[in-house]
N, C-alpha and C. Protein backbone atom coordinates (compact mmCIF):
# COMPACT_ATOMS: atom_id res chain seq x y z
N MET A 1 0.89 -1.22 -0.04
CA MET A 1 -0.01 -0.07 -0.04
C MET A 1 0.91 1.37 -0.04
N GLY A 2 1.85 1.26 0.74
CA GLY A 2 2.79 2.47 0.86
C GLY A 2 2.41 3.41 1.87
N ILE A 3 3.26 4.35 2.18
CA ILE A 3 3.07 5.41 3.05
C ILE A 3 2.00 6.46 2.68
N GLY A 4 2.02 6.82 1.43
CA GLY A 4 1.08 7.68 0.81
C GLY A 4 -0.41 7.24 0.89
N GLY A 5 -0.58 5.89 0.45
CA GLY A 5 -1.82 5.30 0.55
C GLY A 5 -2.38 5.18 1.96
N SER A 6 -1.55 4.92 2.86
CA SER A 6 -1.92 4.75 4.21
C SER A 6 -2.39 6.11 4.85
N ILE A 7 -1.66 7.17 4.57
CA ILE A 7 -1.96 8.47 5.05
C ILE A 7 -3.29 8.91 4.42
N PHE A 8 -3.48 8.62 3.14
CA PHE A 8 -4.72 8.92 2.48
C PHE A 8 -5.89 8.18 3.17
N LEU A 9 -5.75 6.96 3.49
CA LEU A 9 -6.79 6.22 4.12
C LEU A 9 -7.17 6.80 5.57
N ILE A 10 -6.06 7.22 6.34
CA ILE A 10 -6.25 7.79 7.57
C ILE A 10 -7.03 9.18 7.47
N ALA A 11 -6.64 9.99 6.52
CA ALA A 11 -7.25 11.22 6.44
C ALA A 11 -8.79 11.11 5.88
N LEU A 12 -8.98 10.18 5.04
CA LEU A 12 -10.32 10.06 4.50
C LEU A 12 -11.22 9.32 5.61
N GLY A 13 -10.69 8.48 6.43
CA GLY A 13 -11.43 7.92 7.50
C GLY A 13 -11.77 9.08 8.57
N ALA A 14 -10.73 9.96 8.84
CA ALA A 14 -10.97 11.04 9.83
C ALA A 14 -12.10 11.81 9.27
N ILE A 15 -12.08 12.14 7.99
CA ILE A 15 -13.12 13.09 7.45
C ILE A 15 -14.54 12.40 7.66
N PHE A 16 -14.60 11.07 7.25
CA PHE A 16 -15.80 10.43 7.43
C PHE A 16 -16.30 10.28 8.92
N ALA A 17 -15.37 10.09 9.80
CA ALA A 17 -15.75 9.89 11.23
C ALA A 17 -15.99 11.12 11.83
N PHE A 18 -15.42 12.27 11.61
CA PHE A 18 -15.52 13.50 12.48
C PHE A 18 -16.21 14.60 11.75
N ALA A 19 -16.12 14.72 10.45
CA ALA A 19 -16.61 15.95 9.69
C ALA A 19 -17.91 15.72 8.98
N VAL A 20 -18.32 14.61 8.63
CA VAL A 20 -19.46 14.27 7.82
C VAL A 20 -20.65 13.94 8.71
N GLU A 21 -21.75 14.68 8.60
CA GLU A 21 -22.98 14.48 9.37
C GLU A 21 -24.07 14.04 8.44
N ALA A 22 -23.93 13.07 7.69
CA ALA A 22 -25.00 12.59 6.77
C ALA A 22 -25.66 11.38 7.42
N ASP A 23 -26.96 11.21 7.14
CA ASP A 23 -27.81 10.10 7.67
C ASP A 23 -28.20 9.22 6.45
N LEU A 24 -27.59 8.14 6.23
CA LEU A 24 -27.95 7.28 5.12
C LEU A 24 -28.85 6.16 5.56
N GLY A 25 -29.07 6.05 6.72
CA GLY A 25 -30.01 4.98 7.20
C GLY A 25 -29.36 3.68 7.34
N TRP A 26 -28.93 3.02 6.36
CA TRP A 26 -28.47 1.65 6.36
C TRP A 26 -26.90 1.64 6.46
N LEU A 27 -26.24 2.84 6.48
CA LEU A 27 -24.79 2.99 6.49
C LEU A 27 -24.33 4.12 7.40
N ASN A 28 -23.61 3.74 8.45
CA ASN A 28 -23.14 4.58 9.42
C ASN A 28 -21.73 5.14 9.00
N LEU A 29 -21.65 6.39 8.57
CA LEU A 29 -20.33 6.81 8.05
C LEU A 29 -19.34 7.07 9.16
N SER A 30 -19.74 7.10 10.41
CA SER A 30 -18.74 7.16 11.38
C SER A 30 -17.91 5.81 11.54
N VAL A 31 -18.70 4.74 11.43
CA VAL A 31 -18.10 3.43 11.56
C VAL A 31 -17.22 3.28 10.27
N VAL A 32 -17.71 3.67 9.13
CA VAL A 32 -16.86 3.52 7.95
C VAL A 32 -15.58 4.31 8.09
N GLY A 33 -15.62 5.43 8.72
CA GLY A 33 -14.44 6.37 8.95
C GLY A 33 -13.50 5.63 9.93
N TRP A 34 -13.95 5.07 10.94
CA TRP A 34 -13.09 4.38 11.87
C TRP A 34 -12.39 3.17 11.27
N VAL A 35 -13.12 2.44 10.40
CA VAL A 35 -12.71 1.36 9.75
C VAL A 35 -11.53 1.78 8.77
N LEU A 36 -11.72 2.86 8.03
CA LEU A 36 -10.74 3.31 7.10
C LEU A 36 -9.43 3.81 7.86
N MET A 37 -9.66 4.47 9.05
CA MET A 37 -8.48 4.98 9.77
C MET A 37 -7.68 3.69 10.36
N LEU A 38 -8.37 2.58 10.78
CA LEU A 38 -7.57 1.48 11.29
C LEU A 38 -6.91 0.73 10.12
N ALA A 39 -7.50 0.70 8.91
CA ALA A 39 -6.93 0.10 7.76
C ALA A 39 -5.57 0.87 7.41
N GLY A 40 -5.80 2.32 7.47
CA GLY A 40 -4.55 3.17 7.13
C GLY A 40 -3.50 2.96 8.17
N VAL A 41 -3.83 2.92 9.46
CA VAL A 41 -2.68 2.65 10.40
C VAL A 41 -2.10 1.28 10.32
N ALA A 42 -2.89 0.28 10.00
CA ALA A 42 -2.39 -0.98 9.81
C ALA A 42 -1.47 -1.11 8.56
N GLY A 43 -1.83 -0.52 7.45
CA GLY A 43 -0.95 -0.41 6.32
C GLY A 43 0.24 0.46 6.61
N LEU A 44 0.19 1.49 7.32
CA LEU A 44 1.45 2.20 7.61
C LEU A 44 2.39 1.36 8.51
N ILE A 45 1.83 0.68 9.48
CA ILE A 45 2.74 -0.16 10.27
C ILE A 45 3.37 -1.19 9.50
N VAL A 46 2.63 -1.91 8.60
CA VAL A 46 3.21 -2.96 7.73
C VAL A 46 4.24 -2.43 6.77
N THR A 47 3.97 -1.26 6.19
CA THR A 47 4.90 -0.61 5.31
C THR A 47 6.28 -0.36 5.98
N LEU A 48 6.13 0.32 7.12
CA LEU A 48 7.43 0.71 7.87
C LEU A 48 8.12 -0.55 8.38
N TYR A 49 7.40 -1.56 8.74
CA TYR A 49 8.16 -2.81 9.15
C TYR A 49 8.91 -3.41 8.03
N PHE A 50 8.31 -3.45 6.82
CA PHE A 50 9.03 -4.05 5.73
C PHE A 50 10.06 -3.12 5.23
N TRP A 51 10.04 -1.80 5.31
CA TRP A 51 11.06 -0.92 5.06
C TRP A 51 12.26 -1.11 6.04
N ASN A 52 12.06 -1.27 7.24
CA ASN A 52 13.10 -1.39 8.24
C ASN A 52 13.76 -2.82 7.96
N SER A 53 13.08 -3.87 7.80
CA SER A 53 13.64 -5.14 7.58
C SER A 53 14.50 -5.20 6.33
N ARG A 54 14.01 -4.37 5.33
CA ARG A 54 14.78 -4.47 4.14
C ARG A 54 16.13 -3.68 4.26
N ARG A 55 16.11 -2.66 5.04
CA ARG A 55 17.31 -1.85 5.19
C ARG A 55 18.33 -2.65 6.08
N ARG A 56 17.86 -3.44 6.94
CA ARG A 56 19.00 -4.24 7.83
C ARG A 56 19.60 -5.31 7.07
N THR A 57 18.92 -5.86 5.97
CA THR A 57 19.60 -6.88 5.34
C THR A 57 20.79 -6.47 4.49
N VAL A 58 21.91 -7.10 4.70
CA VAL A 58 23.21 -6.82 3.97
C VAL A 58 23.65 -8.01 3.14
N VAL A 59 23.78 -7.79 1.88
CA VAL A 59 24.17 -8.80 0.98
C VAL A 59 25.48 -8.46 0.40
N ALA A 60 26.55 -9.28 0.65
CA ALA A 60 27.83 -8.95 0.22
C ALA A 60 28.15 -10.07 -0.93
N ALA A 61 28.39 -9.69 -2.06
CA ALA A 61 28.81 -10.66 -3.11
C ALA A 61 30.34 -10.87 -3.14
N PRO A 62 30.79 -12.02 -3.20
CA PRO A 62 32.28 -12.20 -3.22
C PRO A 62 32.72 -11.78 -4.67
N VAL A 63 33.94 -11.19 -4.64
CA VAL A 63 34.50 -10.81 -5.86
C VAL A 63 35.15 -12.00 -6.46
N ARG A 64 34.79 -12.32 -7.74
CA ARG A 64 35.33 -13.47 -8.32
C ARG A 64 36.40 -13.04 -9.48
N GLU A 65 37.58 -13.53 -9.44
CA GLU A 65 38.50 -13.20 -10.48
C GLU A 65 38.97 -14.51 -11.08
N GLU A 66 39.19 -14.51 -12.38
CA GLU A 66 39.68 -15.64 -13.07
C GLU A 66 41.24 -15.35 -13.17
N ARG A 67 41.93 -16.27 -12.72
CA ARG A 67 43.47 -16.22 -12.84
C ARG A 67 43.99 -17.32 -13.81
N VAL A 68 44.56 -16.83 -14.80
CA VAL A 68 45.23 -17.76 -15.69
C VAL A 68 46.68 -17.64 -15.53
N VAL A 69 47.31 -18.72 -15.25
CA VAL A 69 48.81 -18.80 -15.09
C VAL A 69 49.33 -19.73 -16.07
N ALA A 70 50.24 -19.28 -16.92
CA ALA A 70 50.81 -20.11 -17.91
C ALA A 70 52.36 -20.18 -17.62
N GLU A 71 52.77 -21.37 -17.47
CA GLU A 71 54.22 -21.60 -17.06
C GLU A 71 54.91 -21.85 -18.46
N HIS A 72 56.12 -21.24 -18.53
CA HIS A 72 56.95 -21.30 -19.62
C HIS A 72 58.20 -22.10 -19.30
N ALA A 73 59.13 -22.15 -20.24
CA ALA A 73 60.31 -22.98 -20.05
C ALA A 73 61.14 -22.29 -18.96
N VAL A 74 62.02 -22.98 -18.33
CA VAL A 74 62.71 -22.47 -17.22
C VAL A 74 64.15 -22.06 -17.67
N PRO A 75 64.47 -20.72 -17.80
CA PRO A 75 65.76 -20.26 -18.21
C PRO A 75 66.75 -20.34 -16.96
N VAL A 76 68.02 -20.41 -17.36
CA VAL A 76 68.99 -20.30 -16.41
C VAL A 76 69.75 -19.05 -16.48
N GLN A 77 69.93 -18.28 -15.36
CA GLN A 77 70.62 -17.15 -15.46
C GLN A 77 71.67 -17.23 -14.25
N GLN A 78 72.90 -17.08 -14.70
CA GLN A 78 74.10 -17.10 -13.80
C GLN A 78 74.06 -18.42 -12.83
N ASP A 79 73.86 -19.55 -13.41
CA ASP A 79 73.75 -20.79 -12.68
C ASP A 79 72.56 -20.86 -11.68
N ARG A 80 71.60 -19.99 -11.90
CA ARG A 80 70.49 -20.10 -11.04
C ARG A 80 69.29 -20.28 -11.89
N VAL A 81 68.33 -21.17 -11.44
CA VAL A 81 67.05 -21.45 -12.23
C VAL A 81 66.06 -20.43 -11.88
N VAL A 82 65.65 -19.81 -12.81
CA VAL A 82 64.62 -18.72 -12.69
C VAL A 82 63.31 -19.21 -13.46
N GLN A 83 62.25 -19.21 -12.71
CA GLN A 83 60.98 -19.65 -13.24
C GLN A 83 60.10 -18.41 -13.66
N GLU A 84 59.63 -18.36 -14.86
CA GLU A 84 59.05 -17.18 -15.39
C GLU A 84 57.54 -17.63 -15.56
N TYR A 85 56.78 -16.74 -15.19
CA TYR A 85 55.28 -17.00 -15.36
C TYR A 85 54.65 -15.65 -15.71
N ARG A 86 53.49 -15.84 -16.36
CA ARG A 86 52.74 -14.59 -16.65
C ARG A 86 51.33 -14.80 -16.19
N GLU A 87 50.82 -13.82 -15.35
CA GLU A 87 49.50 -13.84 -14.89
C GLU A 87 48.56 -12.91 -15.55
N VAL A 88 47.46 -13.37 -15.91
CA VAL A 88 46.42 -12.67 -16.65
C VAL A 88 45.24 -12.62 -15.75
N ARG A 89 44.69 -11.46 -15.42
CA ARG A 89 43.56 -11.43 -14.60
C ARG A 89 42.27 -10.82 -15.45
N ARG A 90 41.23 -11.53 -15.50
CA ARG A 90 40.12 -11.17 -16.11
C ARG A 90 39.01 -10.87 -15.17
N PRO A 91 38.31 -9.76 -15.13
CA PRO A 91 37.19 -9.63 -14.28
C PRO A 91 36.00 -10.48 -14.57
N GLY A 92 35.65 -11.17 -13.47
CA GLY A 92 34.55 -12.15 -13.74
C GLY A 92 33.17 -11.52 -13.25
N PRO A 93 32.13 -12.22 -13.69
CA PRO A 93 30.88 -11.71 -13.28
C PRO A 93 30.60 -11.75 -11.81
N THR A 94 29.92 -10.70 -11.34
CA THR A 94 29.67 -10.66 -9.95
C THR A 94 28.43 -11.35 -9.68
N ILE A 95 28.33 -11.98 -8.42
CA ILE A 95 27.08 -12.80 -8.15
C ILE A 95 26.10 -12.00 -7.57
């Protein structure tokens, strides 16, 4: 319903309950006004509850990286074995 709809129902119910003095015989506008106000308050409480629960939820997606390591031939430099490799990082899709 939302906050706007709830406030509208509360205002419309207050108008029917307190400001309108019509006699329809089979329909009591005062009772209709109170019912609309209660529906508006219930809608407002439910909306605020869901907004608060949504704000507390924290979702952290892990960062995925693809690492490609290609090993090449092992060259010798000054009697030491040196291993060369090349690392390529590609950004992966986030979850």
